[in-house]
Amino acid sequence: MDEFHVRTYDGDLGKATVVRPTSMYKNCSLRMLVDFLQSELGTSSISVYKTEVGAYEELDLNEVMFKK
C-alpha cells in the first residue's frame, strides 16, 4: 500500500501539495491520488516535487503532467 503525505492550508482552499514521497511524479498511483484529492477535498490545484527544478510545481490535473 502506498502512503502519501499531503499538505493543505485553510487559507489556500482547493490547493494541495504532495510532500512525500518527493518522487511522486514518477509514481504510477498519481492519477488515483489526484482523483481522490479532487473528489474528497475538492482540490483544484495540486503541486508535487519536480526533481529537475528542485521545487514544487503545479500539475495539469486533466493530463497529470506539470503545467510548465
Protein backbone atom coordinates (compact mmCIF):
# COMPACT_ATOMS: atom_id res chain seq x y z
CA MET A 1 0.00 0.00 0.00
CA ASP A 2 1.25 3.46 -0.90
CA GLU A 3 1.38 6.16 1.75
CA PHE A 4 1.19 9.81 0.77
CA HIS A 5 1.73 12.94 2.83
CA VAL A 6 -0.38 15.80 1.52
CA ARG A 7 -0.38 19.33 2.92
CA THR A 8 -3.33 21.72 2.73
CA TYR A 9 -3.92 25.08 4.39
CA ASP A 10 -7.18 26.69 5.48
CA GLY A 11 -6.07 29.95 3.83
CA ASP A 12 -5.48 28.23 0.46
CA LEU A 13 -8.70 26.32 -0.07
CA GLY A 14 -8.62 24.00 -3.04
CA LYS A 15 -4.82 23.72 -3.07
CA ALA A 16 -2.82 20.66 -2.03
CA THR A 17 0.89 19.80 -2.04
CA VAL A 18 2.13 16.21 -2.08
CA VAL A 19 5.02 16.40 0.39
CA ARG A 20 6.04 12.73 0.38
CA PRO A 21 7.18 10.84 -1.50
CA THR A 22 9.21 13.50 -3.25
CA SER A 23 9.38 11.24 -6.30
CA MET A 24 5.57 11.29 -6.52
CA TYR A 25 5.56 12.43 -10.14
CA LYS A 26 7.07 9.09 -11.13
CA ASN A 27 4.59 7.11 -9.02
CA CYS A 28 2.04 5.10 -11.01
CA SER A 29 -0.60 5.89 -8.38
CA LEU A 30 -0.51 9.63 -9.11
CA ARG A 31 -3.72 9.57 -11.18
CA MET A 32 -5.55 7.78 -8.37
CA LEU A 33 -4.24 10.30 -5.82
CA VAL A 34 -5.30 13.25 -8.00
CA ASP A 35 -8.78 11.77 -8.41
CA PHE A 36 -9.06 11.15 -4.66
CA LEU A 37 -7.96 14.68 -3.72
CA GLN A 38 -10.38 16.21 -6.19
CA SER A 39 -13.36 14.13 -5.08
CA GLU A 40 -12.75 14.10 -1.33
CA LEU A 41 -11.21 17.54 -0.74
CA GLY A 42 -12.48 19.47 -3.74
CA THR A 43 -8.89 20.20 -4.72
CA SER A 44 -8.45 22.31 -7.84
CA SER A 45 -4.65 22.72 -7.62
CA ILE A 46 -2.11 20.02 -6.77
CA SER A 47 1.64 20.52 -6.62
CA VAL A 48 4.32 17.83 -6.49
CA TYR A 49 8.09 18.00 -6.22
CA LYS A 50 9.86 18.37 -9.57
CA THR A 51 13.33 16.92 -9.13
CA GLU A 52 14.81 18.65 -12.19
CA VAL A 53 13.92 22.07 -10.79
CA GLY A 54 14.31 21.28 -7.10
CA ALA A 55 10.96 22.85 -6.25
CA TYR A 56 7.24 22.12 -6.12
CA GLU A 57 5.37 22.62 -9.39
CA GLU A 58 1.65 22.58 -10.14
CA LEU A 59 0.12 19.75 -12.14
CA ASP A 60 -2.32 19.95 -15.00
CA LEU A 61 -4.99 17.81 -13.34
CA ASN A 62 -6.51 16.57 -16.60
CA GLU A 63 -3.24 15.34 -18.08
CA VAL A 64 -1.48 14.68 -14.72
CA MET A 65 1.61 16.43 -16.06
CA PHE A 66 3.49 19.52 -14.97
CA LYS A 67 1.95 22.71 -16.35
CA LYS A 68 5.23 24.22 -17.47
